[in-house]
């Protein structure tokens, strides 16, 4: 099973295309996202494993060689955290996992040759004339690539064109074929603004990823307030 906790956060307002107090806002944004990720981890540990680590959860966190976090005292608990503007996610599974979320926005054209293999580029560019779809497909690929390397713990040392995906345009939860048969991948579109992708280590090469193995839970405003006063 894959359990994913998500929390929506305020999106910074723009002023004439420029953000006022950019440095302060950026620091505030990163701090808010980091704290939200830690809270989601604490909620998941409590609900899934009965661990009451609360705000001291970070005391038990360590990082691998390339920065992937893990729990020193519970190495058998597999989790991963991701955040972007307006959304934070924390995924738990029975095997190594990686999750990535991105808000759909302008395409990063310069990174395409470094991230996408030939078939992926062909699919992406087939939507070039449809701006919104082009941006969505780009971030479908981007989040899949990110979640793959976060699962493996390789970080950006991995060559992103050595593996490939074939995402669907369906906005619902869908399995995404990967050239690495040891990896299972799924993704969805949330509130027409964000893409969430998750990759896990398969127990068997022929294992199928279905919606029955995904549980996603949104932490509501009321629950946020409850956590803040624990």
Protein backbone atom coordinates (compact mmCIF):
# COMPACT_ATOMS: atom_id res chain seq x y z
CA UNK A 1 0.00 0.00 0.00
CA UNK A 2 0.98 3.60 -0.62
CA UNK A 3 -0.31 6.22 1.79
CA UNK A 4 0.06 9.85 0.77
CA UNK A 5 -0.70 12.81 3.03
CA UNK A 6 -1.13 16.20 1.38
CA UNK A 7 -1.59 19.72 2.68
CA UNK A 8 -2.50 22.80 0.62
CA UNK A 9 -0.72 26.02 1.58
CA UNK A 10 -1.38 29.69 0.70
CA UNK A 11 0.07 30.80 -2.63
CA UNK A 12 2.01 34.07 -2.52
CA UNK A 13 0.25 36.87 -4.36
CA UNK A 14 2.01 38.62 -7.18
CA UNK A 15 2.21 42.37 -7.60
CA UNK A 16 2.62 43.52 -11.18
CA UNK A 17 4.56 40.40 -12.07
CA UNK A 18 7.07 41.07 -9.26
CA UNK A 19 6.87 39.80 -5.75
CA UNK A 20 7.31 42.35 -3.00
CA UNK A 21 9.95 41.52 -0.37
CA UNK A 22 11.14 38.63 -2.52
CA UNK A 23 13.91 37.40 -0.21
CA UNK A 24 11.72 37.53 2.88
CA UNK A 25 8.82 35.86 1.07
CA UNK A 26 11.07 33.10 -0.27
CA UNK A 27 12.49 32.37 3.18
CA UNK A 28 9.01 32.42 4.69
CA UNK A 29 7.71 30.12 1.96
CA UNK A 30 10.52 27.59 2.44
CA UNK A 31 10.08 27.62 6.20
CA UNK A 32 6.32 27.09 5.89
CA UNK A 33 6.76 24.22 3.43
CA UNK A 34 9.44 22.57 5.56
CA UNK A 35 7.31 22.78 8.69
CA UNK A 36 4.28 21.42 6.84
CA UNK A 37 6.30 18.48 5.52
CA UNK A 38 7.49 17.66 9.03
CA UNK A 39 3.90 17.82 10.34
CA UNK A 40 2.67 15.47 7.61
CA UNK A 41 5.46 13.05 8.46
CA UNK A 42 4.46 13.19 12.14
CA UNK A 43 0.78 12.57 11.30
CA UNK A 44 1.66 9.64 9.05
CA UNK A 45 3.95 8.09 11.65
CA UNK A 46 1.23 8.38 14.26
CA UNK A 47 -1.56 7.00 12.07
CA UNK A 48 0.39 4.31 10.22
CA UNK A 49 2.89 3.15 12.86
CA UNK A 50 1.63 4.43 16.21
CA UNK A 51 4.71 6.59 16.73
CA UNK A 52 4.11 9.76 18.75
CA UNK A 53 7.14 11.76 17.66
CA UNK A 54 5.21 15.04 17.25
CA UNK A 55 7.40 18.13 16.74
CA UNK A 56 10.54 16.30 17.84
CA UNK A 57 10.33 14.10 14.76
CA UNK A 58 13.31 15.86 13.19
CA UNK A 59 15.51 14.68 16.04
CA UNK A 60 15.23 11.19 14.58
CA UNK A 61 15.90 12.21 10.98
CA UNK A 62 19.13 11.54 9.13
CA UNK A 63 20.11 11.94 5.47
CA UNK A 64 21.70 9.52 3.06
CA UNK A 65 24.74 10.25 0.91
CA UNK A 66 22.70 12.35 -1.54
CA UNK A 67 20.33 13.91 0.97
CA UNK A 68 17.45 11.43 1.12
CA UNK A 69 15.94 11.56 4.65
CA UNK A 70 15.32 8.47 6.74
CA UNK A 71 14.52 7.68 10.38
CA UNK A 72 17.63 6.50 12.24
CA UNK A 73 15.68 4.41 14.73
CA UNK A 74 13.18 3.04 12.19
CA UNK A 75 15.08 2.23 8.96
CA UNK A 76 12.24 -0.06 7.85
CA UNK A 77 9.78 2.83 7.55
CA UNK A 78 9.91 4.09 3.97
CA UNK A 79 8.75 7.65 3.38
CA UNK A 80 9.47 10.67 1.25
CA UNK A 81 8.46 14.34 1.34
CA UNK A 82 7.99 16.88 -1.43
CA UNK A 83 6.79 20.46 -1.55
CA UNK A 84 6.19 23.19 -4.08
CA UNK A 85 4.27 26.44 -4.17
CA UNK A 86 0.92 25.77 -2.52
CA UNK A 87 1.26 22.03 -1.86
CA UNK A 88 3.17 19.64 0.41
CA UNK A 89 3.08 15.83 0.26
CA UNK A 90 4.45 12.99 2.35
CA UNK A 91 4.30 9.42 1.03
CA UNK A 92 4.68 6.14 2.93
CA UNK A 93 5.00 2.69 1.36
CA UNK A 94 6.21 -0.85 2.07
CA UNK A 95 9.36 -0.38 -0.04
CA UNK A 96 11.69 2.46 -1.02
CA UNK A 97 9.58 5.37 -2.26
CA UNK A 98 9.94 8.79 -3.81
CA UNK A 99 7.29 11.48 -4.26
CA UNK A 100 7.35 14.77 -6.12
CA UNK A 101 4.81 17.56 -6.51
CA UNK A 102 4.95 20.56 -8.82
CA UNK A 103 2.62 23.42 -9.61
CA UNK A 104 1.94 23.56 -13.35
CA UNK A 105 3.57 26.65 -14.78
CA UNK A 106 5.91 27.78 -17.55
CA UNK A 107 8.01 25.04 -19.14
CA UNK A 108 11.75 24.95 -18.40
CA UNK A 109 12.80 24.61 -22.01
CA UNK A 110 16.57 24.47 -21.38
CA UNK A 111 16.40 21.32 -19.26
CA UNK A 112 14.42 19.22 -21.76
CA UNK A 113 17.44 17.62 -23.53
CA UNK A 114 19.02 16.79 -20.15
CA UNK A 115 15.89 15.28 -18.61
CA UNK A 116 13.82 13.77 -21.44
CA UNK A 117 14.88 10.90 -23.68
CA UNK A 118 13.97 10.94 -27.38
CA UNK A 119 10.55 9.27 -27.05
CA UNK A 120 9.63 11.52 -24.12
CA UNK A 121 10.62 14.61 -26.09
CA UNK A 122 8.52 13.49 -29.05
CA UNK A 123 5.46 13.08 -26.84
CA UNK A 124 6.05 16.42 -25.12
CA UNK A 125 6.55 18.34 -28.36
CA UNK A 126 3.43 16.82 -29.88
CA UNK A 127 1.52 19.14 -27.49
CA UNK A 128 3.61 22.24 -28.31
CA UNK A 129 0.69 24.03 -29.97
CA UNK A 130 -1.51 23.57 -26.88
CA UNK A 131 0.13 25.73 -24.21
CA UNK A 132 -1.76 24.43 -21.17
CA UNK A 133 -1.41 20.78 -22.17
CA UNK A 134 2.25 21.29 -23.08
CA UNK A 135 2.95 22.65 -19.60
CA UNK A 136 0.99 19.83 -17.95
CA UNK A 137 2.81 17.08 -19.87
CA UNK A 138 6.17 18.68 -19.06
CA UNK A 139 5.45 18.54 -15.33
CA UNK A 140 4.04 15.03 -15.60
CA UNK A 141 7.44 13.95 -16.89
CA UNK A 142 9.37 16.22 -14.52
CA UNK A 143 7.67 14.89 -11.37
CA UNK A 144 8.09 11.30 -12.52
CA UNK A 145 11.82 11.82 -13.04
CA UNK A 146 12.17 13.55 -9.67
CA UNK A 147 10.21 10.89 -7.80
CA UNK A 148 12.31 8.16 -9.46
CA UNK A 149 15.64 9.59 -8.29
CA UNK A 150 14.22 10.42 -4.86
CA UNK A 151 13.15 6.78 -4.52
CA UNK A 152 16.63 5.52 -5.35
CA UNK A 153 18.36 8.10 -3.16
CA UNK A 154 20.69 8.98 -6.05
CA UNK A 155 19.52 12.57 -6.18
CA UNK A 156 20.71 14.52 -9.19
CA UNK A 157 23.76 12.27 -9.62
CA UNK A 158 21.52 10.02 -11.73
CA UNK A 159 21.43 10.46 -15.50
CA UNK A 160 17.79 11.30 -16.11
CA UNK A 161 17.75 10.10 -19.72
CA UNK A 162 18.77 6.56 -18.70
CA UNK A 163 15.18 5.73 -17.80
CA UNK A 164 11.90 6.81 -19.33
CA UNK A 165 8.17 7.01 -18.70
CA UNK A 166 5.00 7.06 -20.79
CA UNK A 167 2.49 9.21 -18.87
CA UNK A 168 -1.16 9.41 -19.79
CA UNK A 169 -3.09 12.66 -20.25
CA UNK A 170 -5.84 11.38 -17.93
CA UNK A 171 -5.98 13.67 -14.86
CA UNK A 172 -7.01 10.84 -12.53
CA UNK A 173 -4.73 8.35 -10.77
CA UNK A 174 -3.02 6.30 -13.45
CA UNK A 175 -0.19 3.79 -13.58
CA UNK A 176 2.73 5.06 -15.66
CA UNK A 177 4.93 2.51 -17.47
CA UNK A 178 8.65 2.86 -16.74
CA UNK A 179 11.58 1.34 -18.64
CA UNK A 180 12.98 0.25 -15.28
CA UNK A 181 10.79 -2.77 -14.56
CA UNK A 182 11.76 -2.77 -10.88
CA UNK A 183 9.93 0.54 -10.39
CA UNK A 184 6.21 1.17 -10.14
CA UNK A 185 4.93 4.69 -10.84
CA UNK A 186 1.61 6.48 -10.51
CA UNK A 187 0.55 10.09 -10.83
CA UNK A 188 -2.45 12.39 -10.71
CA UNK A 189 -3.48 15.98 -11.28
CA UNK A 190 -4.77 17.85 -8.23
CA UNK A 191 -7.23 20.74 -8.43
CA UNK A 192 -6.14 21.48 -12.01
CA UNK A 193 -2.98 23.17 -10.65
CA UNK A 194 -0.57 20.52 -9.40
CA UNK A 195 0.92 17.23 -10.54
CA UNK A 196 1.80 14.57 -7.96
CA UNK A 197 3.92 11.57 -8.91
CA UNK A 198 5.10 8.67 -6.77
CA UNK A 199 7.60 5.90 -7.54
CA UNK A 200 8.09 2.78 -5.43
CA UNK A 201 10.31 -0.27 -5.56
CA UNK A 202 8.28 -3.22 -6.85
CA UNK A 203 8.31 -6.47 -4.92
CA UNK A 204 7.90 -8.33 -8.24
CA UNK A 205 8.67 -7.20 -11.77
CA UNK A 206 5.15 -8.03 -13.01
CA UNK A 207 3.43 -6.22 -10.11
CA UNK A 208 0.73 -3.83 -11.28
CA UNK A 209 0.10 -0.39 -9.83
CA UNK A 210 -3.64 0.15 -9.31
CA UNK A 211 -5.79 2.72 -7.58
CA UNK A 212 -6.62 0.11 -4.94
CA UNK A 213 -3.12 0.38 -3.46
CA UNK A 214 -3.22 4.19 -3.18
CA UNK A 215 -4.65 6.00 -0.17
CA UNK A 216 -4.46 9.78 -0.25
CA UNK A 217 -5.52 11.96 2.66
CA UNK A 218 -5.72 15.73 2.74
CA UNK A 219 -4.94 17.42 6.03
CA UNK A 220 -7.63 20.08 6.39
CA UNK A 221 -7.43 23.56 7.88
CA UNK A 222 -9.04 22.30 11.08
CA UNK A 223 -6.47 19.55 11.40
CA UNK A 224 -3.64 22.02 10.72
CA UNK A 225 -4.79 24.12 13.68
CA UNK A 226 -5.05 20.98 15.80
CA UNK A 227 -1.48 19.97 14.97
CA UNK A 228 -0.14 23.43 15.69
CA UNK A 229 -1.55 23.30 19.23
CA UNK A 230 -0.34 19.83 20.10
